[in-house]
Each structure stands twice: as C-alpha cells, then as structure tokens.
Amino acid sequence: MNQARSYKTLPLLGTSLFCLAMLGGCATTDGLNRAQTTADQALQKADEANANANAAKAAAAQASQKADQANATADSAKSTADQANSTADAAKAEVDKLAEKIDRMFKKTMQK
C-alpha cells in the first residue's frame, strides 16, 4: 500500500515543483522588468545630464569667445590710450621747450 501511495504523490510532487518553478520564473521576469525599467530611467537621466553638460559647454565656449573679444577691445583701447599719452607727452615736451626758449628771450630782453 505504501508503494501505491508513493505513485500517487509523485505526480502531486511534480505538479507542485512545476508550479513553484513557474512562480519563480514569474518572479524572475518581474525582477528583470523592474531592473530594465530602473536601467531605462537611469539612462534617460544620464542622457539629460549629458545634454545639460553639452549646453553648459556651449555656453562656456560662447562666454570664452565674448571674453576674448572684450580682451581684444581692451587691448585696442590700451593701445589707443598709450598713443594718446605718448602724443600728450610729446606736446608737453614741446611746450616745455618753447617755455624755456621764451624765458631765455625774456631774460635777454631784461638784461639789455
């Protein structure tokens, strides 16, 4: 009788194992789907971060270009100021020469 019973329990045990395997497979599939969703979300956030980084890089390049232009303008203004300063120094030197010449002429006139 024990032997007859073991034959009856074998299909029941096999069915139970099959159901457990199916449940495990579903759980594994569900876990894979959640992992895939998480990976997709992470990839989307990485893409957004990359797009933001590229936009920041473009803005930095534009700011650098504007800074270079401002620097060139400042250099040009400095050159113009240096030329004006040089012209003013030359004019002052000429005025000083003429003032000295006038002083000498005035002294000569006063001595006579």
N, C-alpha and C. Protein backbone atom coordinates (compact mmCIF):
# COMPACT_ATOMS: atom_id res chain seq x y z
N MET A 1 0.80 -1.17 0.00
CA MET A 1 0.00 0.00 0.00
C MET A 1 0.86 1.25 0.00
N ASN A 2 1.96 1.19 0.68
CA ASN A 2 2.86 2.33 0.68
C ASN A 2 3.37 2.62 -0.72
N GLN A 3 3.59 1.57 -1.45
CA GLN A 3 4.07 1.77 -2.79
C GLN A 3 3.02 2.44 -3.67
N ALA A 4 1.82 2.13 -3.53
CA ALA A 4 0.75 2.73 -4.31
C ALA A 4 0.62 4.19 -3.96
N ARG A 5 0.81 4.49 -2.72
CA ARG A 5 0.73 5.87 -2.29
C ARG A 5 1.86 6.71 -2.88
N SER A 6 3.07 6.17 -2.95
CA SER A 6 4.18 6.94 -3.48
C SER A 6 3.96 7.26 -4.95
N TYR A 7 3.27 6.35 -5.66
CA TYR A 7 2.97 6.67 -7.05
C TYR A 7 1.94 7.79 -7.16
N LYS A 8 1.07 7.88 -6.21
CA LYS A 8 0.07 8.94 -6.23
C LYS A 8 0.68 10.28 -5.84
N THR A 9 1.66 10.25 -4.96
CA THR A 9 2.26 11.50 -4.50
C THR A 9 3.28 12.05 -5.49
N LEU A 10 3.82 11.19 -6.32
CA LEU A 10 4.81 11.66 -7.29
C LEU A 10 4.21 12.68 -8.25
N PRO A 11 3.08 12.44 -8.86
CA PRO A 11 2.52 13.47 -9.73
C PRO A 11 2.18 14.76 -8.98
N LEU A 12 1.71 14.59 -7.73
CA LEU A 12 1.40 15.77 -6.93
C LEU A 12 2.67 16.55 -6.61
N LEU A 13 3.74 15.84 -6.29
CA LEU A 13 5.02 16.49 -6.02
C LEU A 13 5.57 17.15 -7.29
N GLY A 14 5.45 16.49 -8.42
CA GLY A 14 5.91 17.04 -9.69
C GLY A 14 5.12 18.29 -10.06
N THR A 15 3.83 18.26 -9.86
CA THR A 15 2.99 19.42 -10.15
C THR A 15 3.35 20.57 -9.23
N SER A 16 3.59 20.25 -7.98
CA SER A 16 3.99 21.29 -7.02
C SER A 16 5.31 21.93 -7.42
N LEU A 17 6.26 21.12 -7.81
CA LEU A 17 7.55 21.64 -8.25
C LEU A 17 7.40 22.49 -9.51
N PHE A 18 6.55 22.05 -10.42
CA PHE A 18 6.32 22.80 -11.64
C PHE A 18 5.69 24.16 -11.32
N CYS A 19 4.73 24.18 -10.42
CA CYS A 19 4.08 25.44 -10.03
C CYS A 19 5.08 26.37 -9.35
N LEU A 20 5.93 25.81 -8.50
CA LEU A 20 6.96 26.60 -7.85
C LEU A 20 7.93 27.18 -8.88
N ALA A 21 8.30 26.38 -9.84
CA ALA A 21 9.21 26.86 -10.89
C ALA A 21 8.55 27.97 -11.70
N MET A 22 7.28 27.84 -11.98
CA MET A 22 6.57 28.87 -12.72
C MET A 22 6.50 30.17 -11.92
N LEU A 23 6.22 30.04 -10.63
CA LEU A 23 6.16 31.22 -9.78
C LEU A 23 7.55 31.88 -9.70
N GLY A 24 8.56 31.05 -9.58
CA GLY A 24 9.93 31.59 -9.55
C GLY A 24 10.28 32.26 -10.86
N GLY A 25 9.86 31.67 -11.95
CA GLY A 25 10.10 32.26 -13.26
C GLY A 25 9.38 33.59 -13.41
N CYS A 26 8.16 33.68 -12.92
CA CYS A 26 7.42 34.93 -12.98
C CYS A 26 8.09 35.98 -12.11
N ALA A 27 8.53 35.55 -10.95
CA ALA A 27 9.21 36.49 -10.06
C ALA A 27 10.50 36.97 -10.70
N THR A 28 11.20 36.08 -11.37
CA THR A 28 12.43 36.46 -12.03
C THR A 28 12.14 37.43 -13.18
N THR A 29 11.10 37.14 -13.94
CA THR A 29 10.73 38.03 -15.04
C THR A 29 10.32 39.40 -14.51
N ASP A 30 9.56 39.41 -13.41
CA ASP A 30 9.15 40.67 -12.80
C ASP A 30 10.38 41.44 -12.31
N GLY A 31 11.32 40.73 -11.72
CA GLY A 31 12.56 41.38 -11.27
C GLY A 31 13.35 41.95 -12.44
N LEU A 32 13.39 41.19 -13.53
CA LEU A 32 14.10 41.67 -14.72
C LEU A 32 13.41 42.90 -15.31
N ASN A 33 12.09 42.88 -15.32
CA ASN A 33 11.35 44.05 -15.83
C ASN A 33 11.61 45.28 -14.98
N ARG A 34 11.62 45.10 -13.65
CA ARG A 34 11.90 46.23 -12.77
C ARG A 34 13.33 46.73 -12.97
N ALA A 35 14.26 45.80 -13.12
CA ALA A 35 15.66 46.19 -13.34
C ALA A 35 15.80 46.93 -14.67
N GLN A 36 15.09 46.44 -15.70
CA GLN A 36 15.13 47.10 -17.01
C GLN A 36 14.54 48.51 -16.92
N THR A 37 13.44 48.65 -16.19
CA THR A 37 12.82 49.96 -16.02
C THR A 37 13.77 50.91 -15.29
N THR A 38 14.40 50.41 -14.24
CA THR A 38 15.36 51.23 -13.49
C THR A 38 16.54 51.62 -14.39
N ALA A 39 17.02 50.67 -15.18
CA ALA A 39 18.14 50.97 -16.09
C ALA A 39 17.71 52.00 -17.14
N ASP A 40 16.49 51.87 -17.65
CA ASP A 40 15.99 52.85 -18.63
C ASP A 40 15.89 54.25 -18.03
N GLN A 41 15.41 54.31 -16.79
CA GLN A 41 15.31 55.61 -16.11
C GLN A 41 16.70 56.20 -15.88
N ALA A 42 17.63 55.36 -15.48
CA ALA A 42 19.00 55.83 -15.27
C ALA A 42 19.61 56.32 -16.57
N LEU A 43 19.36 55.61 -17.66
CA LEU A 43 19.87 56.02 -18.96
C LEU A 43 19.25 57.34 -19.40
N GLN A 44 17.96 57.51 -19.15
CA GLN A 44 17.29 58.76 -19.50
C GLN A 44 17.89 59.92 -18.70
N LYS A 45 18.12 59.70 -17.41
CA LYS A 45 18.71 60.76 -16.58
C LYS A 45 20.15 61.05 -17.02
N ALA A 46 20.88 60.02 -17.42
CA ALA A 46 22.24 60.23 -17.91
C ALA A 46 22.22 61.02 -19.21
N ASP A 47 21.26 60.73 -20.08
CA ASP A 47 21.12 61.49 -21.32
C ASP A 47 20.80 62.96 -21.04
N GLU A 48 19.89 63.19 -20.07
CA GLU A 48 19.56 64.56 -19.69
C GLU A 48 20.78 65.29 -19.13
N ALA A 49 21.53 64.59 -18.28
CA ALA A 49 22.74 65.19 -17.72
C ALA A 49 23.75 65.50 -18.81
N ASN A 50 23.86 64.60 -19.78
CA ASN A 50 24.78 64.83 -20.90
C ASN A 50 24.34 66.03 -21.73
N ALA A 51 23.03 66.14 -21.96
CA ALA A 51 22.51 67.28 -22.72
C ALA A 51 22.77 68.58 -21.96
N ASN A 52 22.56 68.55 -20.64
CA ASN A 52 22.83 69.73 -19.83
C ASN A 52 24.31 70.08 -19.84
N ALA A 53 25.16 69.07 -19.79
CA ALA A 53 26.60 69.31 -19.83
C ALA A 53 27.01 69.91 -21.17
N ASN A 54 26.42 69.41 -22.25
CA ASN A 54 26.73 69.96 -23.57
C ASN A 54 26.26 71.40 -23.69
N ALA A 55 25.08 71.69 -23.13
CA ALA A 55 24.57 73.07 -23.18
C ALA A 55 25.48 73.99 -22.36
N ALA A 56 25.92 73.50 -21.20
CA ALA A 56 26.83 74.30 -20.37
C ALA A 56 28.17 74.51 -21.07
N LYS A 57 28.63 73.49 -21.78
CA LYS A 57 29.89 73.59 -22.51
C LYS A 57 29.76 74.63 -23.63
N ALA A 58 28.63 74.61 -24.32
CA ALA A 58 28.41 75.59 -25.40
C ALA A 58 28.33 77.00 -24.82
N ALA A 59 27.65 77.14 -23.69
CA ALA A 59 27.55 78.46 -23.06
C ALA A 59 28.92 78.94 -22.59
N ALA A 60 29.72 78.02 -22.07
CA ALA A 60 31.07 78.38 -21.63
C ALA A 60 31.94 78.79 -22.82
N ALA A 61 31.80 78.09 -23.94
CA ALA A 61 32.56 78.45 -25.14
C ALA A 61 32.15 79.82 -25.64
N GLN A 62 30.85 80.10 -25.60
CA GLN A 62 30.37 81.41 -26.04
C GLN A 62 30.87 82.50 -25.09
N ALA A 63 30.84 82.23 -23.80
CA ALA A 63 31.35 83.20 -22.82
C ALA A 63 32.84 83.43 -23.01
N SER A 64 33.57 82.37 -23.31
CA SER A 64 35.00 82.49 -23.55
C SER A 64 35.27 83.34 -24.79
N GLN A 65 34.47 83.13 -25.83
CA GLN A 65 34.62 83.92 -27.05
C GLN A 65 34.34 85.39 -26.78
N LYS A 66 33.29 85.67 -26.00
CA LYS A 66 32.97 87.05 -25.66
C LYS A 66 34.07 87.66 -24.80
N ALA A 67 34.64 86.86 -23.91
CA ALA A 67 35.74 87.35 -23.08
C ALA A 67 36.95 87.67 -23.94
N ASP A 68 37.22 86.82 -24.93
CA ASP A 68 38.33 87.08 -25.84
C ASP A 68 38.10 88.38 -26.63
N GLN A 69 36.86 88.59 -27.07
CA GLN A 69 36.54 89.82 -27.80
C GLN A 69 36.70 91.04 -26.88
N ALA A 70 36.24 90.90 -25.64
CA ALA A 70 36.38 92.01 -24.69
C ALA A 70 37.85 92.28 -24.41
N ASN A 71 38.64 91.23 -24.32
CA ASN A 71 40.07 91.38 -24.08
C ASN A 71 40.75 92.07 -25.26
N ALA A 72 40.35 91.70 -26.47
CA ALA A 72 40.92 92.35 -27.66
C ALA A 72 40.52 93.83 -27.70
N THR A 73 39.27 94.11 -27.33
CA THR A 73 38.82 95.50 -27.29
C THR A 73 39.60 96.28 -26.24
N ALA A 74 39.82 95.66 -25.10
CA ALA A 74 40.58 96.32 -24.04
C ALA A 74 42.02 96.57 -24.48
N ASP A 75 42.61 95.60 -25.17
CA ASP A 75 43.97 95.78 -25.69
C ASP A 75 44.03 96.94 -26.69
N SER A 76 43.02 97.01 -27.55
CA SER A 76 42.96 98.09 -28.53
C SER A 76 42.80 99.44 -27.83
N ALA A 77 41.95 99.48 -26.82
CA ALA A 77 41.74 100.72 -26.07
C ALA A 77 43.03 101.12 -25.34
N LYS A 78 43.75 100.15 -24.81
CA LYS A 78 45.01 100.45 -24.13
C LYS A 78 46.03 100.99 -25.12
N SER A 79 46.08 100.40 -26.31
CA SER A 79 47.00 100.89 -27.34
C SER A 79 46.67 102.33 -27.73
N THR A 80 45.38 102.61 -27.91
CA THR A 80 44.96 103.97 -28.24
C THR A 80 45.31 104.93 -27.11
N ALA A 81 45.08 104.51 -25.88
CA ALA A 81 45.41 105.35 -24.72
C ALA A 81 46.92 105.59 -24.63
N ASP A 82 47.70 104.55 -24.92
CA ASP A 82 49.16 104.71 -24.90
C ASP A 82 49.61 105.70 -25.98
N GLN A 83 48.99 105.61 -27.16
CA GLN A 83 49.33 106.56 -28.23
C GLN A 83 48.95 107.98 -27.83
N ALA A 84 47.77 108.13 -27.23
CA ALA A 84 47.33 109.45 -26.80
C ALA A 84 48.26 109.99 -25.71
N ASN A 85 48.67 109.12 -24.82
CA ASN A 85 49.59 109.51 -23.75
C ASN A 85 50.94 109.92 -24.33
N SER A 86 51.40 109.18 -25.31
CA SER A 86 52.67 109.50 -25.96
C SER A 86 52.58 110.85 -26.67
N THR A 87 51.46 111.09 -27.36
CA THR A 87 51.25 112.37 -28.04
C THR A 87 51.20 113.51 -27.02
N ALA A 88 50.52 113.27 -25.91
CA ALA A 88 50.43 114.29 -24.87
C ALA A 88 51.82 114.56 -24.27
N ASP A 89 52.61 113.52 -24.07
CA ASP A 89 53.97 113.70 -23.54
C ASP A 89 54.83 114.49 -24.51
N ALA A 90 54.70 114.17 -25.81
CA ALA A 90 55.47 114.90 -26.82
C ALA A 90 55.04 116.37 -26.86
N ALA A 91 53.75 116.63 -26.77
CA ALA A 91 53.25 118.01 -26.76
C ALA A 91 53.74 118.74 -25.52
N LYS A 92 53.74 118.07 -24.38
CA LYS A 92 54.22 118.70 -23.14
C LYS A 92 55.70 119.02 -23.26
N ALA A 93 56.47 118.10 -23.83
CA ALA A 93 57.89 118.35 -24.01
C ALA A 93 58.10 119.55 -24.94
N GLU A 94 57.31 119.65 -25.99
CA GLU A 94 57.41 120.78 -26.92
C GLU A 94 57.04 122.09 -26.22
N VAL A 95 55.98 122.05 -25.41
CA VAL A 95 55.58 123.24 -24.65
C VAL A 95 56.68 123.64 -23.68
N ASP A 96 57.28 122.66 -23.03
CA ASP A 96 58.37 122.96 -22.09
C ASP A 96 59.56 123.60 -22.82
N LYS A 97 59.88 123.07 -24.02
CA LYS A 97 60.97 123.65 -24.82
C LYS A 97 60.66 125.10 -25.19
N LEU A 98 59.43 125.33 -25.65
CA LEU A 98 59.04 126.69 -26.02
C LEU A 98 59.02 127.62 -24.81
N ALA A 99 58.57 127.14 -23.67
CA ALA A 99 58.55 127.96 -22.46
C ALA A 99 59.98 128.33 -22.05
N GLU A 100 60.89 127.38 -22.17
CA GLU A 100 62.29 127.65 -21.84
C GLU A 100 62.87 128.68 -22.81
N LYS A 101 62.53 128.52 -24.08
CA LYS A 101 63.02 129.46 -25.09
C LYS A 101 62.48 130.87 -24.82
N ILE A 102 61.20 130.97 -24.46
CA ILE A 102 60.60 132.27 -24.14
C ILE A 102 61.27 132.86 -22.91
N ASP A 103 61.53 132.04 -21.91
CA ASP A 103 62.20 132.52 -20.70
C ASP A 103 63.59 133.08 -21.04
N ARG A 104 64.33 132.39 -21.89
CA ARG A 104 65.67 132.87 -22.28
C ARG A 104 65.56 134.20 -23.02
N MET A 105 64.57 134.27 -23.93
CA MET A 105 64.38 135.53 -24.67
C MET A 105 63.98 136.66 -23.73
N PHE A 106 63.15 136.37 -22.78
CA PHE A 106 62.71 137.37 -21.81
C PHE A 106 63.89 137.84 -20.95
N LYS A 107 64.73 136.89 -20.54
CA LYS A 107 65.91 137.25 -19.74
C LYS A 107 66.87 138.13 -20.56
N LYS A 108 67.06 137.79 -21.82
CA LYS A 108 67.94 138.59 -22.68
C LYS A 108 67.38 140.01 -22.83
N THR A 109 66.06 140.08 -23.00
CA THR A 109 65.43 141.39 -23.14
C THR A 109 65.57 142.19 -21.86
N MET A 110 65.45 141.58 -20.76
CA MET A 110 65.54 142.27 -19.47
C MET A 110 66.97 142.72 -19.19
N GLN A 111 67.96 142.01 -19.69
CA GLN A 111 69.35 142.37 -19.45
C GLN A 111 69.76 143.57 -20.29
N LYS A 112 69.13 143.84 -21.36
CA LYS A 112 69.53 144.94 -22.23
C LYS A 112 69.05 146.19 -21.70
